[in-house]
Protein backbone atom coordinates (compact mmCIF):
# COMPACT_ATOMS: atom_id res chain seq x y z
CA UNK A 1 0.00 0.00 0.00
CA UNK A 2 1.13 3.51 -0.71
CA UNK A 3 1.19 6.14 1.96
CA UNK A 4 -1.39 8.90 1.85
CA UNK A 5 -0.05 12.28 0.72
CA UNK A 6 0.84 14.66 3.52
CA UNK A 7 -1.75 17.30 4.26
CA UNK A 8 -0.58 20.92 4.26
CA UNK A 9 -0.24 22.61 7.62
CA UNK A 10 -2.90 25.15 8.59
CA UNK A 11 -1.90 28.78 8.18
CA UNK A 12 -1.82 29.21 11.95
CA UNK A 13 0.99 26.65 12.21
CA UNK A 14 3.13 28.06 9.40
CA UNK A 15 6.51 29.35 10.61
CA UNK A 16 6.61 32.30 8.15
CA UNK A 17 6.34 35.72 9.75
CA UNK A 18 5.15 38.68 7.71
CA UNK A 19 6.84 41.93 8.63
CA UNK A 20 5.93 45.51 7.88
CA UNK A 21 9.05 45.76 5.72
CA UNK A 22 7.74 42.91 3.56
CA UNK A 23 4.43 44.70 3.15
CA UNK A 24 6.11 48.02 2.39
CA UNK A 25 8.27 46.47 -0.33
CA UNK A 26 5.26 44.74 -1.86
CA UNK A 27 3.22 47.97 -1.82
CA UNK A 28 6.08 49.92 -3.42
CA UNK A 29 6.46 47.27 -6.12
CA UNK A 30 2.73 47.34 -6.88
CA UNK A 31 2.78 51.15 -6.94
CA UNK A 32 5.67 51.15 -9.42
CA UNK A 33 3.93 48.67 -11.70
CA UNK A 34 0.64 50.59 -11.66
CA UNK A 35 2.42 53.89 -12.28
CA UNK A 36 4.25 52.44 -15.27
CA UNK A 37 1.03 50.95 -16.66
CA UNK A 38 -0.81 54.25 -16.24
CA UNK A 39 1.96 56.10 -18.07
CA UNK A 40 1.85 53.59 -20.93
CA UNK A 41 -1.93 53.86 -21.12
CA UNK A 42 -1.90 57.65 -21.19
CA UNK A 43 0.87 57.73 -23.77
CA UNK A 44 -0.97 55.24 -26.00
CA UNK A 45 -4.37 56.87 -25.66
CA UNK A 46 -3.58 60.59 -25.45
CA UNK A 47 -5.66 61.46 -28.52
CA UNK A 48 -8.63 59.49 -27.21
CA UNK A 49 -8.38 61.17 -23.82
CA UNK A 50 -8.26 64.65 -25.40
CA UNK A 51 -11.21 63.94 -27.71
CA UNK A 52 -13.26 62.39 -24.91
CA UNK A 53 -12.52 65.37 -22.67
CA UNK A 54 -13.59 67.77 -25.43
CA UNK A 55 -16.83 65.85 -25.94
CA UNK A 56 -17.59 65.89 -22.23
CA UNK A 57 -16.96 69.64 -22.03
CA UNK A 58 -19.15 70.24 -25.09
CA UNK A 59 -22.00 68.19 -23.61
CA UNK A 60 -21.79 70.01 -20.27
CA UNK A 61 -21.74 73.44 -21.93
CA UNK A 62 -24.64 72.49 -24.21
CA UNK A 63 -26.69 71.21 -21.29
CA UNK A 64 -25.98 74.37 -19.29
CA UNK A 65 -27.00 76.54 -22.25
CA UNK A 66 -30.16 74.49 -22.84
CA UNK A 67 -31.32 74.58 -19.23
CA UNK A 68 -30.38 78.24 -18.90
CA UNK A 69 -32.37 79.22 -21.97
CA UNK A 70 -35.40 77.20 -20.80
CA UNK A 71 -35.39 78.85 -17.38
CA UNK A 72 -34.99 82.26 -19.04
CA UNK A 73 -37.93 81.57 -21.35
CA UNK A 74 -40.04 80.37 -18.42
CA UNK A 75 -39.19 83.53 -16.48
CA UNK A 76 -40.16 85.70 -19.46
CA UNK A 77 -43.55 83.98 -19.73
CA UNK A 78 -44.29 84.66 -16.06
CA UNK A 79 -43.92 88.39 -16.51
PDB file of N, CA and C in Angstrom:
ATOM      1  N   UNK A   1       0.824  -1.184   0.000  1.00  0.00           N
ATOM      2  CA  UNK A   1       0.000   0.000   0.000  1.00  0.00           C
ATOM      3  C   UNK A   1       0.864   1.240   0.000  1.00  0.00           C
ATOM      4  N   UNK A   2       0.385   2.246  -0.691  1.00  0.00           N
ATOM      5  CA  UNK A   2       1.133   3.507  -0.708  1.00  0.00           C
ATOM      6  C   UNK A   2       0.641   4.409   0.406  1.00  0.00           C
ATOM      7  N   UNK A   3       1.539   5.235   0.875  1.00  0.00           N
ATOM      8  CA  UNK A   3       1.194   6.144   1.964  1.00  0.00           C
ATOM      9  C   UNK A   3       0.351   7.302   1.424  1.00  0.00           C
ATOM     10  N   UNK A   4      -0.537   7.768   2.240  1.00  0.00           N
ATOM     11  CA  UNK A   4      -1.391   8.901   1.852  1.00  0.00           C
ATOM     12  C   UNK A   4      -0.532  10.158   1.771  1.00  0.00           C
ATOM     13  N   UNK A   5      -0.845  11.040   0.818  1.00  0.00           N
ATOM     14  CA  UNK A   5      -0.052  12.276   0.722  1.00  0.00           C
ATOM     15  C   UNK A   5      -0.213  13.126   1.980  1.00  0.00           C
ATOM     16  N   UNK A   6       0.858  13.822   2.317  1.00  0.00           N
ATOM     17  CA  UNK A   6       0.844  14.660   3.515  1.00  0.00           C
ATOM     18  C   UNK A   6      -0.086  15.849   3.310  1.00  0.00           C
ATOM     19  N   UNK A   7      -0.836  16.154   4.329  1.00  0.00           N
ATOM     20  CA  UNK A   7      -1.749  17.301   4.258  1.00  0.00           C
ATOM     21  C   UNK A   7      -0.971  18.558   4.597  1.00  0.00           C
ATOM     22  N   UNK A   8      -1.279  19.673   3.931  1.00  0.00           N
ATOM     23  CA  UNK A   8      -0.584  20.921   4.262  1.00  0.00           C
ATOM     24  C   UNK A   8      -0.945  21.388   5.663  1.00  0.00           C
ATOM     25  N   UNK A   9       0.000  22.088   6.279  1.00  0.00           N
ATOM     26  CA  UNK A   9      -0.242  22.615   7.618  1.00  0.00           C
ATOM     27  C   UNK A   9      -1.213  23.788   7.533  1.00  0.00           C
ATOM     28  N   UNK A  10      -2.033  23.966   8.561  1.00  0.00           N
ATOM     29  CA  UNK A  10      -2.900  25.148   8.588  1.00  0.00           C
ATOM     30  C   UNK A  10      -2.058  26.430   8.667  1.00  0.00           C
ATOM     31  N   UNK A  11      -2.625  27.510   8.208  1.00  0.00           N
ATOM     32  CA  UNK A  11      -1.895  28.781   8.184  1.00  0.00           C
ATOM     33  C   UNK A  11      -1.443  29.200   9.573  1.00  0.00           C
ATOM     34  N   UNK A  12      -2.193  28.825  10.582  1.00  0.00           N
ATOM     35  CA  UNK A  12      -1.821  29.215  11.948  1.00  0.00           C
ATOM     36  C   UNK A  12      -0.563  28.505  12.422  1.00  0.00           C
ATOM     37  N   UNK A  13      -0.188  27.401  11.807  1.00  0.00           N
ATOM     38  CA  UNK A  13       0.994  26.652  12.210  1.00  0.00           C
ATOM     39  C   UNK A  13       2.190  26.894  11.296  1.00  0.00           C
ATOM     40  N   UNK A  14       2.046  27.773  10.325  1.00  0.00           N
ATOM     41  CA  UNK A  14       3.133  28.057   9.398  1.00  0.00           C
ATOM     42  C   UNK A  14       4.187  28.913  10.101  1.00  0.00           C
ATOM     43  N   UNK A  15       5.458  28.619   9.904  1.00  0.00           N
ATOM     44  CA  UNK A  15       6.507  29.354  10.613  1.00  0.00           C
ATOM     45  C   UNK A  15       6.821  30.725  10.000  1.00  0.00           C
ATOM     46  N   UNK A  16       6.288  31.056   8.826  1.00  0.00           N
ATOM     47  CA  UNK A  16       6.615  32.304   8.148  1.00  0.00           C
ATOM     48  C   UNK A  16       6.007  33.489   8.901  1.00  0.00           C
ATOM     49  N   UNK A  17       6.824  34.501   9.099  1.00  0.00           N
ATOM     50  CA  UNK A  17       6.341  35.722   9.749  1.00  0.00           C
ATOM     51  C   UNK A  17       6.355  36.844   8.724  1.00  0.00           C
ATOM     52  N   UNK A  18       5.281  37.566   8.630  1.00  0.00           N
ATOM     53  CA  UNK A  18       5.152  38.682   7.708  1.00  0.00           C
ATOM     54  C   UNK A  18       5.481  39.962   8.463  1.00  0.00           C
ATOM     55  N   UNK A  19       6.437  40.705   7.957  1.00  0.00           N
ATOM     56  CA  UNK A  19       6.845  41.935   8.629  1.00  0.00           C
ATOM     57  C   UNK A  19       6.313  43.144   7.879  1.00  0.00           C
ATOM     58  N   UNK A  20       6.376  44.277   8.530  1.00  0.00           N
ATOM     59  CA  UNK A  20       5.933  45.511   7.884  1.00  0.00           C
ATOM     60  C   UNK A  20       6.856  45.874   6.731  1.00  0.00           C
ATOM     61  N   UNK A  21       8.124  45.515   6.830  1.00  0.00           N
ATOM     62  CA  UNK A  21       9.050  45.757   5.721  1.00  0.00           C
ATOM     63  C   UNK A  21       8.636  44.975   4.479  1.00  0.00           C
ATOM     64  N   UNK A  22       8.219  43.713   4.680  1.00  0.00           N
ATOM     65  CA  UNK A  22       7.743  42.907   3.557  1.00  0.00           C
ATOM     66  C   UNK A  22       6.552  43.572   2.883  1.00  0.00           C
ATOM     67  N   UNK A  23       5.615  44.036   3.699  1.00  0.00           N
ATOM     68  CA  UNK A  23       4.432  44.703   3.152  1.00  0.00           C
ATOM     69  C   UNK A  23       4.801  45.990   2.427  1.00  0.00           C
ATOM     70  N   UNK A  24       5.705  46.768   3.007  1.00  0.00           N
ATOM     71  CA  UNK A  24       6.114  48.022   2.391  1.00  0.00           C
ATOM     72  C   UNK A  24       6.743  47.776   1.026  1.00  0.00           C
ATOM     73  N   UNK A  25       7.621  46.778   0.945  1.00  0.00           N
ATOM     74  CA  UNK A  25       8.274  46.468  -0.328  1.00  0.00           C
ATOM     75  C   UNK A  25       7.260  46.000  -1.369  1.00  0.00           C
ATOM     76  N   UNK A  26       6.300  45.214  -0.936  1.00  0.00           N
ATOM     77  CA  UNK A  26       5.262  44.741  -1.862  1.00  0.00           C
ATOM     78  C   UNK A  26       4.407  45.914  -2.352  1.00  0.00           C
ATOM     79  N   UNK A  27       4.031  46.803  -1.444  1.00  0.00           N
ATOM     80  CA  UNK A  27       3.224  47.972  -1.819  1.00  0.00           C
ATOM     81  C   UNK A  27       3.997  48.863  -2.788  1.00  0.00           C
ATOM     82  N   UNK A  28       5.269  49.081  -2.521  1.00  0.00           N
ATOM     83  CA  UNK A  28       6.075  49.916  -3.416  1.00  0.00           C
ATOM     84  C   UNK A  28       6.214  49.272  -4.791  1.00  0.00           C
ATOM     85  N   UNK A  29       6.362  47.964  -4.829  1.00  0.00           N
ATOM     86  CA  UNK A  29       6.459  47.272  -6.117  1.00  0.00           C
ATOM     87  C   UNK A  29       5.158  47.383  -6.896  1.00  0.00           C
ATOM     88  N   UNK A  30       4.034  47.220  -6.217  1.00  0.00           N
ATOM     89  CA  UNK A  30       2.730  47.344  -6.879  1.00  0.00           C
ATOM     90  C   UNK A  30       2.527  48.767  -7.361  1.00  0.00           C
ATOM     91  N   UNK A  31       2.917  49.751  -6.545  1.00  0.00           N
ATOM     92  CA  UNK A  31       2.780  51.152  -6.945  1.00  0.00           C
ATOM     93  C   UNK A  31       3.605  51.441  -8.195  1.00  0.00           C
ATOM     94  N   UNK A  32       4.824  50.934  -8.247  1.00  0.00           N
ATOM     95  CA  UNK A  32       5.674  51.148  -9.419  1.00  0.00           C
ATOM     96  C   UNK A  32       5.060  50.540 -10.674  1.00  0.00           C
ATOM     97  N   UNK A  33       4.539  49.335 -10.544  1.00  0.00           N
ATOM     98  CA  UNK A  33       3.930  48.670 -11.700  1.00  0.00           C
ATOM     99  C   UNK A  33       2.707  49.442 -12.177  1.00  0.00           C
ATOM    100  N   UNK A  34       1.847  49.864 -11.254  1.00  0.00           N
ATOM    101  CA  UNK A  34       0.641  50.589 -11.660  1.00  0.00           C
ATOM    102  C   UNK A  34       0.982  51.947 -12.254  1.00  0.00           C
ATOM    103  N   UNK A  35       2.000  52.610 -11.724  1.00  0.00           N
ATOM    104  CA  UNK A  35       2.420  53.890 -12.283  1.00  0.00           C
ATOM    105  C   UNK A  35       2.932  53.720 -13.705  1.00  0.00           C
ATOM    106  N   UNK A  36       3.743  52.703 -13.919  1.00  0.00           N
ATOM    107  CA  UNK A  36       4.249  52.436 -15.273  1.00  0.00           C
ATOM    108  C   UNK A  36       3.116  52.107 -16.238  1.00  0.00           C
ATOM    109  N   UNK A  37       2.160  51.302 -15.802  1.00  0.00           N
ATOM    110  CA  UNK A  37       1.031  50.949 -16.662  1.00  0.00           C
ATOM    111  C   UNK A  37       0.182  52.171 -16.977  1.00  0.00           C
ATOM    112  N   UNK A  38      -0.024  53.033 -15.993  1.00  0.00           N
ATOM    113  CA  UNK A  38      -0.809  54.246 -16.238  1.00  0.00           C
ATOM    114  C   UNK A  38      -0.103  55.154 -17.237  1.00  0.00           C
ATOM    115  N   UNK A  39       1.210  55.281 -17.113  1.00  0.00           N
ATOM    116  CA  UNK A  39       1.961  56.101 -18.073  1.00  0.00           C
ATOM    117  C   UNK A  39       1.850  55.542 -19.483  1.00  0.00           C
ATOM    118  N   UNK A  40       1.976  54.223 -19.609  1.00  0.00           N
ATOM    119  CA  UNK A  40       1.850  53.593 -20.925  1.00  0.00           C
ATOM    120  C   UNK A  40       0.461  53.805 -21.504  1.00  0.00           C
ATOM    121  N   UNK A  41      -0.555  53.684 -20.670  1.00  0.00           N
ATOM    122  CA  UNK A  41      -1.929  53.856 -21.117  1.00  0.00           C
ATOM    123  C   UNK A  41      -2.180  55.282 -21.580  1.00  0.00           C
ATOM    124  N   UNK A  42      -1.705  56.245 -20.809  1.00  0.00           N
ATOM    125  CA  UNK A  42      -1.902  57.648 -21.187  1.00  0.00           C
ATOM    126  C   UNK A  42      -1.136  57.971 -22.460  1.00  0.00           C
ATOM    127  N   UNK A  43       0.074  57.471 -22.571  1.00  0.00           N
ATOM    128  CA  UNK A  43       0.869  57.726 -23.772  1.00  0.00           C
ATOM    129  C   UNK A  43       0.206  57.124 -25.002  1.00  0.00           C
ATOM    130  N   UNK A  44      -0.352  55.924 -24.866  1.00  0.00           N
ATOM    131  CA  UNK A  44      -0.967  55.244 -26.004  1.00  0.00           C
ATOM    132  C   UNK A  44      -2.321  55.837 -26.370  1.00  0.00           C
ATOM    133  N   UNK A  45      -3.007  56.404 -25.423  1.00  0.00           N
ATOM    134  CA  UNK A  45      -4.372  56.874 -25.665  1.00  0.00           C
ATOM    135  C   UNK A  45      -4.540  58.372 -25.469  1.00  0.00           C
ATOM    136  N   UNK A  46      -3.501  59.145 -25.678  1.00  0.00           N
ATOM    137  CA  UNK A  46      -3.575  60.589 -25.452  1.00  0.00           C
ATOM    138  C   UNK A  46      -4.637  61.235 -26.333  1.00  0.00           C
ATOM    139  N   UNK A  47      -4.678  60.871 -27.606  1.00  0.00           N
ATOM    140  CA  UNK A  47      -5.657  61.464 -28.515  1.00  0.00           C
ATOM    141  C   UNK A  47      -7.068  61.119 -28.069  1.00  0.00           C
ATOM    142  N   UNK A  48      -7.301  59.879 -27.679  1.00  0.00           N
ATOM    143  CA  UNK A  48      -8.631  59.487 -27.208  1.00  0.00           C
ATOM    144  C   UNK A  48      -9.035  60.266 -25.967  1.00  0.00           C
ATOM    145  N   UNK A  49      -8.090  60.447 -25.058  1.00  0.00           N
ATOM    146  CA  UNK A  49      -8.385  61.172 -23.821  1.00  0.00           C
ATOM    147  C   UNK A  49      -8.742  62.623 -24.132  1.00  0.00           C
ATOM    148  N   UNK A  50      -7.999  63.253 -25.039  1.00  0.00           N
ATOM    149  CA  UNK A  50      -8.264  64.648 -25.398  1.00  0.00           C
ATOM    150  C   UNK A  50      -9.626  64.768 -26.079  1.00  0.00           C
ATOM    151  N   UNK A  51      -9.921  63.885 -27.007  1.00  0.00           N
ATOM    152  CA  UNK A  51     -11.209  63.937 -27.711  1.00  0.00           C
ATOM    153  C   UNK A  51     -12.356  63.674 -26.742  1.00  0.00           C
ATOM    154  N   UNK A  52     -12.205  62.692 -25.889  1.00  0.00           N
ATOM    155  CA  UNK A  52     -13.258  62.390 -24.913  1.00  0.00           C
ATOM    156  C   UNK A  52     -13.471  63.565 -23.964  1.00  0.00           C
ATOM    157  N   UNK A  53     -12.398  64.209 -23.545  1.00  0.00           N
ATOM    158  CA  UNK A  53     -12.523  65.373 -22.670  1.00  0.00           C
ATOM    159  C   UNK A  53     -13.250  66.509 -23.377  1.00  0.00           C
ATOM    160  N   UNK A  54     -12.927  66.728 -24.664  1.00  0.00           N
ATOM    161  CA  UNK A  54     -13.592  67.774 -25.431  1.00  0.00           C
ATOM    162  C   UNK A  54     -15.080  67.477 -25.588  1.00  0.00           C
ATOM    163  N   UNK A  55     -15.419  66.223 -25.815  1.00  0.00           N
ATOM    164  CA  UNK A  55     -16.832  65.849 -25.941  1.00  0.00           C
ATOM    165  C   UNK A  55     -17.569  66.070 -24.626  1.00  0.00           C
ATOM    166  N   UNK A  56     -16.955  65.693 -23.532  1.00  0.00           N
ATOM    167  CA  UNK A  56     -17.590  65.891 -22.229  1.00  0.00           C
ATOM    168  C   UNK A  56     -17.819  67.366 -21.954  1.00  0.00           C
ATOM    169  N   UNK A  57     -16.817  68.196 -22.237  1.00  0.00           N
ATOM    170  CA  UNK A  57     -16.960  69.642 -22.028  1.00  0.00           C
ATOM    171  C   UNK A  57     -18.068  70.198 -22.916  1.00  0.00           C
ATOM    172  N   UNK A  58     -18.120  69.758 -24.167  1.00  0.00           N
ATOM    173  CA  UNK A  58     -19.153  70.241 -25.086  1.00  0.00           C
ATOM    174  C   UNK A  58     -20.548  69.844 -24.602  1.00  0.00           C
ATOM    175  N   UNK A  59     -20.695  68.644 -24.109  1.00  0.00           N
ATOM    176  CA  UNK A  59     -21.999  68.194 -23.605  1.00  0.00           C
ATOM    177  C   UNK A  59     -22.409  69.004 -22.381  1.00  0.00           C
ATOM    178  N   UNK A  60     -21.477  69.246 -21.480  1.00  0.00           N
ATOM    179  CA  UNK A  60     -21.789  70.015 -20.270  1.00  0.00           C
ATOM    180  C   UNK A  60     -22.176  71.446 -20.626  1.00  0.00           C
ATOM    181  N   UNK A  61     -21.427  72.066 -21.533  1.00  0.00           N
ATOM    182  CA  UNK A  61     -21.736  73.441 -21.933  1.00  0.00           C
ATOM    183  C   UNK A  61     -23.086  73.493 -22.644  1.00  0.00           C
ATOM    184  N   UNK A  62     -23.360  72.530 -23.506  1.00  0.00           N
ATOM    185  CA  UNK A  62     -24.641  72.489 -24.211  1.00  0.00           C
ATOM    186  C   UNK A  62     -25.797  72.313 -23.237  1.00  0.00           C
ATOM    187  N   UNK A  63     -25.631  71.422 -22.281  1.00  0.00           N
ATOM    188  CA  UNK A  63     -26.691  71.210 -21.293  1.00  0.00           C
ATOM    189  C   UNK A  63     -26.916  72.469 -20.464  1.00  0.00           C
ATOM    190  N   UNK A  64     -25.846  73.136 -20.068  1.00  0.00           N
ATOM    191  CA  UNK A  64     -25.984  74.372 -19.290  1.00  0.00           C
ATOM    192  C   UNK A  64     -26.700  75.445 -20.111  1.00  0.00           C
ATOM    193  N   UNK A  65     -26.350  75.564 -21.376  1.00  0.00           N
ATOM    194  CA  UNK A  65     -27.004  76.544 -22.246  1.00  0.00           C
ATOM    195  C   UNK A  65     -28.484  76.209 -22.413  1.00  0.00           C
ATOM    196  N   UNK A  66     -28.786  74.918 -22.641  1.00  0.00           N
ATOM    197  CA  UNK A  66     -30.163  74.488 -22.840  1.00  0.00           C
ATOM    198  C   UNK A  66     -31.010  74.783 -21.605  1.00  0.00           C
ATOM    199  N   UNK A  67     -30.542  74.361 -20.444  1.00  0.00           N
ATOM    200  CA  UNK A  67     -31.322  74.576 -19.228  1.00  0.00           C
ATOM    201  C   UNK A  67     -31.399  76.056 -18.867  1.00  0.00           C
ATOM    202  N   UNK A  68     -30.345  76.795 -19.153  1.00  0.00           N
ATOM    203  CA  UNK A  68     -30.382  78.239 -18.898  1.00  0.00           C
ATOM    204  C   UNK A  68     -31.371  78.948 -19.794  1.00  0.00           C
ATOM    205  N   UNK A  69     -31.428  78.578 -21.062  1.00  0.00           N
ATOM    206  CA  UNK A  69     -32.369  79.225 -21.973  1.00  0.00           C
ATOM    207  C   UNK A  69     -33.808  78.838 -21.634  1.00  0.00           C
ATOM    208  N   UNK A  70     -34.030  77.620 -21.184  1.00  0.00           N
ATOM    209  CA  UNK A  70     -35.396  77.204 -20.803  1.00  0.00           C
ATOM    210  C   UNK A  70     -35.858  77.963 -19.567  1.00  0.00           C
ATOM    211  N   UNK A  71     -34.958  78.142 -18.601  1.00  0.00           N
ATOM    212  CA  UNK A  71     -35.386  78.854 -17.379  1.00  0.00           C
ATOM    213  C   UNK A  71     -35.588  80.337 -17.694  1.00  0.00           C
ATOM    214  N   UNK A  72     -34.800  80.867 -18.631  1.00  0.00           N
ATOM    215  CA  UNK A  72     -34.994  82.262 -19.043  1.00  0.00           C
ATOM    216  C   UNK A  72     -36.314  82.446 -19.771  1.00  0.00           C
ATOM    217  N   UNK A  73     -36.665  81.502 -20.640  1.00  0.00           N
ATOM    218  CA  UNK A  73     -37.934  81.570 -21.352  1.00  0.00           C
ATOM    219  C   UNK A  73     -39.111  81.420 -20.386  1.00  0.00           C
ATOM    220  N   UNK A  74     -38.973  80.546 -19.410  1.00  0.00           N
ATOM    221  CA  UNK A  74     -40.038  80.370 -18.421  1.00  0.00           C
ATOM    222  C   UNK A  74     -40.205  81.619 -17.582  1.00  0.00           C
ATOM    223  N   UNK A  75     -39.114  82.298 -17.265  1.00  0.00           N
ATOM    224  CA  UNK A  75     -39.189  83.527 -16.480  1.00  0.00           C
ATOM    225  C   UNK A  75     -39.837  84.636 -17.298  1.00  0.00           C
ATOM    226  N   UNK A  76     -39.576  84.678 -18.591  1.00  0.00           N
ATOM    227  CA  UNK A  76     -40.161  85.698 -19.456  1.00  0.00           C
ATOM    228  C   UNK A  76     -41.660  85.481 -19.603  1.00  0.00           C
ATOM    229  N   UNK A  77     -42.129  84.256 -19.607  1.00  0.00           N
ATOM    230  CA  UNK A  77     -43.554  83.979 -19.733  1.00  0.00           C
ATOM    231  C   UNK A  77     -44.306  84.379 -18.464  1.00  0.00           C
ATOM    232  N   UNK A  78     -43.633  84.319 -17.312  1.00  0.00           N
ATOM    233  CA  UNK A  78     -44.286  84.656 -16.056  1.00  0.00           C
ATOM    234  C   UNK A  78     -44.496  86.144 -15.899  1.00  0.00           C
ATOM    235  N   UNK A  79     -43.807  86.939 -16.668  1.00  0.00           N
ATOM    236  CA  UNK A  79     -43.919  88.394 -16.507  1.00  0.00           C
ATOM    237  C   UNK A  79     -45.147  88.936 -17.123  1.00  0.00           C
TER     238      UNK A  79
END
